Amino acid sequence: MPFEGALPMVIEWPGEPFPGAAMADLGCRLVRLSIEHPNADEIADRLAPVFTDERVTFRESAECRFSAEIQTPHGVRTLT
């Protein structure tokens, strides 16, 4: 995977319905996804033409790390 997996792949689903439409809504929502990487600016630049979401942030770091904050029915949970 490019950039040790830190460059998210963008999937374009052809046609309707979107595959996630059939999934049960369990009340979970992404609050924030933080991606840390030595080349964070380059990753953000590569994604800019096809992906924008203010919940996703990129930060320069010596190591590749991910952190996701998920709003659940039981409060915010952080996955690292």
PDB file of N, CA and C in Angstrom:
ATOM      1  N   MET A   1       0.833  -1.174   0.000  1.00  0.00           N
ATOM      2  CA  MET A   1       0.000   0.000   0.000  1.00  0.00           C
ATOM      3  C   MET A   1       0.882   1.244   0.000  1.00  0.00           C
ATOM      4  N   PRO A   2       0.514   2.251  -0.762  1.00  0.00           N
ATOM      5  CA  PRO A   2       1.298   3.484  -0.775  1.00  0.00           C
ATOM      6  C   PRO A   2       1.364   4.145   0.600  1.00  0.00           C
ATOM      7  N   PHE A   3       2.511   4.703   0.910  1.00  0.00           N
ATOM      8  CA  PHE A   3       2.708   5.445   2.163  1.00  0.00           C
ATOM      9  C   PHE A   3       2.350   4.602   3.390  1.00  0.00           C
ATOM     10  N   GLU A   4       2.783   3.343   3.383  1.00  0.00           N
ATOM     11  CA  GLU A   4       2.535   2.435   4.506  1.00  0.00           C
ATOM     12  C   GLU A   4       1.047   2.320   4.844  1.00  0.00           C
ATOM     13  N   GLY A   5       0.194   2.436   3.859  1.00  0.00           N
ATOM     14  CA  GLY A   5      -1.245   2.349   4.076  1.00  0.00           C
ATOM     15  C   GLY A   5      -1.892   3.650   4.499  1.00  0.00           C
ATOM     16  N   ALA A   6      -1.121   4.736   4.573  1.00  0.00           N
ATOM     17  CA  ALA A   6      -1.668   6.022   5.030  1.00  0.00           C
ATOM     18  C   ALA A   6      -2.379   6.792   3.919  1.00  0.00           C
ATOM     19  N   LEU A   7      -2.262   6.362   2.684  1.00  0.00           N
ATOM     20  CA  LEU A   7      -2.963   7.013   1.576  1.00  0.00           C
ATOM     21  C   LEU A   7      -4.262   6.240   1.352  1.00  0.00           C
ATOM     22  N   PRO A   8      -5.388   6.752   1.856  1.00  0.00           N
ATOM     23  CA  PRO A   8      -6.652   6.016   1.721  1.00  0.00           C
ATOM     24  C   PRO A   8      -7.018   5.821   0.257  1.00  0.00           C
ATOM     25  N   MET A   9      -7.537   4.671  -0.037  1.00  0.00           N
ATOM     26  CA  MET A   9      -8.012   4.381  -1.380  1.00  0.00           C
ATOM     27  C   MET A   9      -9.422   4.940  -1.518  1.00  0.00           C
ATOM     28  N   VAL A  10      -9.695   5.586  -2.619  1.00  0.00           N
ATOM     29  CA  VAL A  10     -11.006   6.152  -2.885  1.00  0.00           C
ATOM     30  C   VAL A  10     -11.740   5.173  -3.792  1.00  0.00           C
ATOM     31  N   ILE A  11     -12.926   4.764  -3.368  1.00  0.00           N
ATOM     32  CA  ILE A  11     -13.720   3.804  -4.126  1.00  0.00           C
ATOM     33  C   ILE A  11     -14.904   4.523  -4.742  1.00  0.00           C
ATOM     34  N   GLU A  12     -15.087   4.339  -6.033  1.00  0.00           N
ATOM     35  CA  GLU A  12     -16.252   4.890  -6.711  1.00  0.00           C
ATOM     36  C   GLU A  12     -17.159   3.720  -7.064  1.00  0.00           C
ATOM     37  N   TRP A  13     -18.346   3.690  -6.447  1.00  0.00           N
ATOM     38  CA  TRP A  13     -19.273   2.600  -6.680  1.00  0.00           C
ATOM     39  C   TRP A  13     -20.113   2.918  -7.911  1.00  0.00           C
ATOM     40  N   PRO A  14     -20.104   2.010  -8.892  1.00  0.00           N
ATOM     41  CA  PRO A  14     -20.922   2.256 -10.085  1.00  0.00           C
ATOM     42  C   PRO A  14     -22.395   1.959  -9.809  1.00  0.00           C
ATOM     43  N   GLY A  15     -23.252   2.800 -10.321  1.00  0.00           N
ATOM     44  CA  GLY A  15     -24.688   2.557 -10.226  1.00  0.00           C
ATOM     45  C   GLY A  15     -25.258   2.698  -8.832  1.00  0.00           C
ATOM     46  N   GLU A  16     -26.508   2.363  -8.727  1.00  0.00           N
ATOM     47  CA  GLU A  16     -27.250   2.435  -7.469  1.00  0.00           C
ATOM     48  C   GLU A  16     -27.774   1.041  -7.161  1.00  0.00           C
ATOM     49  N   PRO A  17     -28.086   0.689  -5.983  1.00  0.00           N
ATOM     50  CA  PRO A  17     -27.899   1.475  -4.776  1.00  0.00           C
ATOM     51  C   PRO A  17     -26.472   1.332  -4.250  1.00  0.00           C
ATOM     52  N   PHE A  18     -26.065   2.283  -3.425  1.00  0.00           N
ATOM     53  CA  PHE A  18     -24.777   2.240  -2.753  1.00  0.00           C
ATOM     54  C   PHE A  18     -24.775   1.021  -1.834  1.00  0.00           C
ATOM     55  N   PRO A  19     -23.714   0.184  -1.828  1.00  0.00           N
ATOM     56  CA  PRO A  19     -23.709  -1.043  -1.028  1.00  0.00           C
ATOM     57  C   PRO A  19     -24.016  -0.838   0.453  1.00  0.00           C
ATOM     58  N   GLY A  20     -23.624   0.288   1.035  1.00  0.00           N
ATOM     59  CA  GLY A  20     -23.884   0.533   2.444  1.00  0.00           C
ATOM     60  C   GLY A  20     -25.346   0.819   2.762  1.00  0.00           C
ATOM     61  N   ALA A  21     -26.154   1.096   1.750  1.00  0.00           N
ATOM     62  CA  ALA A  21     -27.562   1.430   1.972  1.00  0.00           C
ATOM     63  C   ALA A  21     -28.338   0.278   2.602  1.00  0.00           C
ATOM     64  N   ALA A  22     -27.888  -0.948   2.409  1.00  0.00           N
ATOM     65  CA  ALA A  22     -28.591  -2.110   2.957  1.00  0.00           C
ATOM     66  C   ALA A  22     -28.155  -2.444   4.384  1.00  0.00           C
ATOM     67  N   MET A  23     -27.149  -1.761   4.892  1.00  0.00           N
ATOM     68  CA  MET A  23     -26.658  -2.044   6.239  1.00  0.00           C
ATOM     69  C   MET A  23     -27.548  -1.388   7.294  1.00  0.00           C
ATOM     70  N   ALA A  24     -27.688  -2.061   8.417  1.00  0.00           N
ATOM     71  CA  ALA A  24     -28.466  -1.498   9.522  1.00  0.00           C
ATOM     72  C   ALA A  24     -27.728  -0.298  10.105  1.00  0.00           C
ATOM     73  N   ASP A  25     -28.462   0.762  10.440  1.00  0.00           N
ATOM     74  CA  ASP A  25     -27.869   1.937  11.076  1.00  0.00           C
ATOM     75  C   ASP A  25     -27.768   1.658  12.569  1.00  0.00           C
ATOM     76  N   LEU A  26     -26.534   1.503  13.058  1.00  0.00           N
ATOM     77  CA  LEU A  26     -26.303   1.204  14.466  1.00  0.00           C
ATOM     78  C   LEU A  26     -26.020   2.460  15.291  1.00  0.00           C
ATOM     79  N   GLY A  27     -26.178   3.632  14.662  1.00  0.00           N
ATOM     80  CA  GLY A  27     -26.009   4.884  15.384  1.00  0.00           C
ATOM     81  C   GLY A  27     -24.571   5.317  15.576  1.00  0.00           C
ATOM     82  N   CYS A  28     -23.662   4.812  14.760  1.00  0.00           N
ATOM     83  CA  CYS A  28     -22.243   5.189  14.857  1.00  0.00           C
ATOM     84  C   CYS A  28     -21.890   6.134  13.726  1.00  0.00           C
ATOM     85  N   ARG A  29     -21.121   7.177  14.051  1.00  0.00           N
ATOM     86  CA  ARG A  29     -20.721   8.172  13.055  1.00  0.00           C
ATOM     87  C   ARG A  29     -19.258   8.539  13.265  1.00  0.00           C
ATOM     88  N   LEU A  30     -18.556   8.738  12.166  1.00  0.00           N
ATOM     89  CA  LEU A  30     -17.170   9.191  12.247  1.00  0.00           C
ATOM     90  C   LEU A  30     -17.145  10.643  12.702  1.00  0.00           C
ATOM     91  N   VAL A  31     -16.400  10.913  13.747  1.00  0.00           N
ATOM     92  CA  VAL A  31     -16.204  12.275  14.231  1.00  0.00           C
ATOM     93  C   VAL A  31     -14.924  12.830  13.624  1.00  0.00           C
ATOM     94  N   ARG A  32     -13.839  12.038  13.704  1.00  0.00           N
ATOM     95  CA  ARG A  32     -12.545  12.503  13.209  1.00  0.00           C
ATOM     96  C   ARG A  32     -11.666  11.302  12.878  1.00  0.00           C
ATOM     97  N   LEU A  33     -10.931  11.416  11.785  1.00  0.00           N
ATOM     98  CA  LEU A  33      -9.898  10.448  11.423  1.00  0.00           C
ATOM     99  C   LEU A  33      -8.604  11.224  11.277  1.00  0.00           C
ATOM    100  N   SER A  34      -7.617  10.888  12.100  1.00  0.00           N
ATOM    101  CA  SER A  34      -6.316  11.555  12.053  1.00  0.00           C
ATOM    102  C   SER A  34      -5.295  10.591  11.471  1.00  0.00           C
ATOM    103  N   ILE A  35      -4.588  11.054  10.475  1.00  0.00           N
ATOM    104  CA  ILE A  35      -3.534  10.266   9.842  1.00  0.00           C
ATOM    105  C   ILE A  35      -2.228  11.004  10.041  1.00  0.00           C
ATOM    106  N   GLU A  36      -1.273  10.347  10.680  1.00  0.00           N
ATOM    107  CA  GLU A  36       0.055  10.922  10.902  1.00  0.00           C
ATOM    108  C   GLU A  36       1.054  10.142  10.051  1.00  0.00           C
ATOM    109  N   HIS A  37       1.946  10.881   9.406  1.00  0.00           N
ATOM    110  CA  HIS A  37       2.910  10.256   8.509  1.00  0.00           C
ATOM    111  C   HIS A  37       4.038  11.246   8.229  1.00  0.00           C
ATOM    112  N   PRO A  38       5.261  10.750   7.967  1.00  0.00           N
ATOM    113  CA  PRO A  38       6.360  11.661   7.617  1.00  0.00           C
ATOM    114  C   PRO A  38       6.083  12.493   6.363  1.00  0.00           C
ATOM    115  N   ASN A  39       5.227  11.982   5.471  1.00  0.00           N
ATOM    116  CA  ASN A  39       4.895  12.695   4.229  1.00  0.00           C
ATOM    117  C   ASN A  39       3.417  13.103   4.203  1.00  0.00           C
ATOM    118  N   ALA A  40       2.907  13.558   5.326  1.00  0.00           N
ATOM    119  CA  ALA A  40       1.480  13.876   5.443  1.00  0.00           C
ATOM    120  C   ALA A  40       1.027  14.913   4.420  1.00  0.00           C
ATOM    121  N   ASP A  41       1.830  15.927   4.165  1.00  0.00           N
ATOM    122  CA  ASP A  41       1.440  16.956   3.196  1.00  0.00           C
ATOM    123  C   ASP A  41       1.300  16.379   1.796  1.00  0.00           C
ATOM    124  N   GLU A  42       2.198  15.488   1.418  1.00  0.00           N
ATOM    125  CA  GLU A  42       2.120  14.865   0.092  1.00  0.00           C
ATOM    126  C   GLU A  42       0.868  14.000  -0.024  1.00  0.00           C
ATOM    127  N   ILE A  43       0.541  13.274   1.027  1.00  0.00           N
ATOM    128  CA  ILE A  43      -0.669  12.444   1.011  1.00  0.00           C
ATOM    129  C   ILE A  43      -1.902  13.327   0.838  1.00  0.00           C
ATOM    130  N   ALA A  44      -1.990  14.402   1.612  1.00  0.00           N
ATOM    131  CA  ALA A  44      -3.126  15.324   1.514  1.00  0.00           C
ATOM    132  C   ALA A  44      -3.213  15.929   0.116  1.00  0.00           C
ATOM    133  N   ASP A  45      -2.078  16.294  -0.459  1.00  0.00           N
ATOM    134  CA  ASP A  45      -2.063  16.880  -1.807  1.00  0.00           C
ATOM    135  C   ASP A  45      -2.563  15.891  -2.854  1.00  0.00           C
ATOM    136  N   ARG A  46      -2.177  14.635  -2.719  1.00  0.00           N
ATOM    137  CA  ARG A  46      -2.613  13.617  -3.684  1.00  0.00           C
ATOM    138  C   ARG A  46      -4.111  13.367  -3.601  1.00  0.00           C
ATOM    139  N   LEU A  47      -4.667  13.457  -2.403  1.00  0.00           N
ATOM    140  CA  LEU A  47      -6.095  13.211  -2.236  1.00  0.00           C
ATOM    141  C   LEU A  47      -6.962  14.416  -2.581  1.00  0.00           C
ATOM    142  N   ALA A  48      -6.405  15.606  -2.493  1.00  0.00           N
ATOM    143  CA  ALA A  48      -7.186  16.839  -2.655  1.00  0.00           C
ATOM    144  C   ALA A  48      -8.072  16.871  -3.905  1.00  0.00           C
ATOM    145  N   PRO A  49      -7.611  16.396  -5.073  1.00  0.00           N
ATOM    146  CA  PRO A  49      -8.478  16.494  -6.255  1.00  0.00           C
ATOM    147  C   PRO A  49      -9.716  15.603  -6.209  1.00  0.00           C
ATOM    148  N   VAL A  50      -9.699  14.557  -5.379  1.00  0.00           N
ATOM    149  CA  VAL A  50     -10.808  13.600  -5.397  1.00  0.00           C
ATOM    150  C   VAL A  50     -11.497  13.410  -4.053  1.00  0.00           C
ATOM    151  N   PHE A  51     -10.938  13.981  -2.992  1.00  0.00           N
ATOM    152  CA  PHE A  51     -11.478  13.706  -1.656  1.00  0.00           C
ATOM    153  C   PHE A  51     -11.314  14.914  -0.752  1.00  0.00           C
ATOM    154  N   THR A  52     -12.415  15.372  -0.189  1.00  0.00           N
ATOM    155  CA  THR A  52     -12.356  16.420   0.824  1.00  0.00           C
ATOM    156  C   THR A  52     -13.366  16.074   1.915  1.00  0.00           C
ATOM    157  N   ASP A  53     -12.910  16.078   3.128  1.00  0.00           N
ATOM    158  CA  ASP A  53     -13.764  15.826   4.287  1.00  0.00           C
ATOM    159  C   ASP A  53     -13.057  16.445   5.483  1.00  0.00           C
ATOM    160  N   GLU A  54     -13.666  17.456   6.062  1.00  0.00           N
ATOM    161  CA  GLU A  54     -13.011  18.177   7.156  1.00  0.00           C
ATOM    162  C   GLU A  54     -12.788  17.298   8.386  1.00  0.00           C
ATOM    163  N   ARG A  55     -13.428  16.146   8.441  1.00  0.00           N
ATOM    164  CA  ARG A  55     -13.219  15.233   9.567  1.00  0.00           C
ATOM    165  C   ARG A  55     -11.890  14.484   9.463  1.00  0.00           C
ATOM    166  N   VAL A  56     -11.301  14.471   8.276  1.00  0.00           N
ATOM    167  CA  VAL A  56     -10.041  13.755   8.050  1.00  0.00           C
ATOM    168  C   VAL A  56      -8.900  14.762   8.056  1.00  0.00           C
ATOM    169  N   THR A  57      -7.917  14.544   8.935  1.00  0.00           N
ATOM    170  CA  THR A  57      -6.781  15.449   9.031  1.00  0.00           C
ATOM    171  C   THR A  57      -5.484  14.672   8.839  1.00  0.00           C
ATOM    172  N   PHE A  58      -4.500  15.375   8.305  1.00  0.00           N
ATOM    173  CA  PHE A  58      -3.171  14.808   8.073  1.00  0.00           C
ATOM    174  C   PHE A  58      -2.168  15.647   8.852  1.00  0.00           C
ATOM    175  N   ARG A  59      -1.248  14.963   9.538  1.00  0.00           N
ATOM    176  CA  ARG A  59      -0.245  15.670  10.328  1.00  0.00           C
ATOM    177  C   ARG A  59       1.098  14.992  10.155  1.00  0.00           C
ATOM    178  N   GLU A  60       2.127  15.840  10.013  1.00  0.00           N
ATOM    179  CA  GLU A  60       3.494  15.326   9.907  1.00  0.00           C
ATOM    180  C   GLU A  60       3.880  14.645  11.218  1.00  0.00           C
ATOM    181  N   SER A  61       4.509  13.478  11.112  1.00  0.00           N
ATOM    182  CA  SER A  61       4.953  12.724  12.275  1.00  0.00           C
ATOM    183  C   SER A  61       6.088  11.808  11.838  1.00  0.00           C
ATOM    184  N   ALA A  62       6.964  11.478  12.759  1.00  0.00           N
ATOM    185  CA  ALA A  62       8.079  10.583  12.443  1.00  0.00           C
ATOM    186  C   ALA A  62       7.593   9.178  12.116  1.00  0.00           C
ATOM    187  N   GLU A  63       6.429   8.798  12.634  1.00  0.00           N
ATOM    188  CA  GLU A  63       5.889   7.462  12.417  1.00  0.00           C
ATOM    189  C   GLU A  63       4.517   7.539  11.766  1.00  0.00           C
ATOM    190  N   CYS A  64       4.125   6.438  11.114  1.00  0.00           N
ATOM    191  CA  CYS A  64       2.793   6.317  10.532  1.00  0.00           C
ATOM    192  C   CYS A  64       1.840   5.856  11.635  1.00  0.00           C
ATOM    193  N   ARG A  65       0.809   6.681  11.908  1.00  0.00           N
ATOM    194  CA  ARG A  65      -0.173   6.354  12.940  1.00  0.00           C
ATOM    195  C   ARG A  65      -1.560   6.800  12.489  1.00  0.00           C
ATOM    196  N   PHE A  66      -2.572   6.095  12.989  1.00  0.00           N
ATOM    197  CA  PHE A  66      -3.959   6.418  12.700  1.00  0.00           C
ATOM    198  C   PHE A  66      -4.733   6.523  14.006  1.00  0.00           C
ATOM    199  N   SER A  67      -5.710   7.390  14.027  1.00  0.00           N
ATOM    200  CA  SER A  67      -6.604   7.504  15.168  1.00  0.00           C
ATOM    201  C   SER A  67      -7.984   7.886  14.631  1.00  0.00           C
ATOM    202  N   ALA A  68      -9.003   7.147  15.063  1.00  0.00           N
ATOM    203  CA  ALA A  68     -10.371   7.442  14.628  1.00  0.00           C
ATOM    204  C   ALA A  68     -11.246   7.659  15.854  1.00  0.00           C
ATOM    205  N   GLU A  69     -12.001   8.740  15.837  1.00  0.00           N
ATOM    206  CA  GLU A  69     -12.984   8.996  16.876  1.00  0.00           C
ATOM    207  C   GLU A  69     -14.355   8.690  16.288  1.00  0.00           C
ATOM    208  N   ILE A  70     -15.081   7.798  16.956  1.00  0.00           N
ATOM    209  CA  ILE A  70     -16.383   7.352  16.488  1.00  0.00           C
ATOM    210  C   ILE A  70     -17.432   7.709  17.531  1.00  0.00           C
ATOM    211  N   GLN A  71     -18.471   8.431  17.114  1.00  0.00           N
ATOM    212  CA  GLN A  71     -19.607   8.693  17.998  1.00  0.00           C
ATOM    213  C   GLN A  71     -20.472   7.444  18.000  1.00  0.00           C
ATOM    214  N   THR A  72     -20.707   6.870  19.171  1.00  0.00           N
ATOM    215  CA  THR A  72     -21.539   5.680  19.302  1.00  0.00           C
ATOM    216  C   THR A  72     -22.717   6.004  20.214  1.00  0.00           C
ATOM    217  N   PRO A  73     -23.692   5.130  20.291  1.00  0.00           N
ATOM    218  CA  PRO A  73     -24.796   5.356  21.225  1.00  0.00           C
ATOM    219  C   PRO A  73     -24.316   5.420  22.684  1.00  0.00           C
ATOM    220  N   HIS A  74     -23.100   4.970  22.957  1.00  0.00           N
ATOM    221  CA  HIS A  74     -22.550   4.966  24.302  1.00  0.00           C
ATOM    222  C   HIS A  74     -21.449   6.008  24.487  1.00  0.00           C
ATOM    223  N   GLY A  75     -21.402   6.999  23.613  1.00  0.00           N
ATOM    224  CA  GLY A  75     -20.399   8.050  23.708  1.00  0.00           C
ATOM    225  C   GLY A  75     -19.330   7.904  22.641  1.00  0.00           C
ATOM    226  N   VAL A  76     -18.372   8.810  22.653  1.00  0.00           N
ATOM    227  CA  VAL A  76     -17.292   8.795  21.664  1.00  0.00           C
ATOM    228  C   VAL A  76     -16.261   7.748  22.059  1.00  0.00           C
ATOM    229  N   ARG A  77     -15.865   6.944  21.106  1.00  0.00           N
ATOM    230  CA  ARG A  77     -14.824   5.942  21.290  1.00  0.00           C
ATOM    231  C   ARG A  77     -13.676   6.266  20.357  1.00  0.00           C
ATOM    232  N   THR A  78     -12.456   6.066  20.836  1.00  0.00           N
ATOM    233  CA  THR A  78     -11.277   6.345  20.021  1.00  0.00           C
ATOM    234  C   THR A  78     -10.579   5.039  19.680  1.00  0.00           C
ATOM    235  N   LEU A  79     -10.318   4.845  18.402  1.00  0.00           N
ATOM    236  CA  LEU A  79      -9.579   3.680  17.925  1.00  0.00           C
ATOM    237  C   LEU A  79      -8.199   4.140  17.479  1.00  0.00           C
ATOM    238  N   THR A  80      -7.158   3.450  17.932  1.00  0.00           N
ATOM    239  CA  THR A  80      -5.790   3.803  17.526  1.00  0.00           C
ATOM    240  C   THR A  80      -5.099   2.584  16.989  1.00  0.00           C
TER     241      THR A  80
END
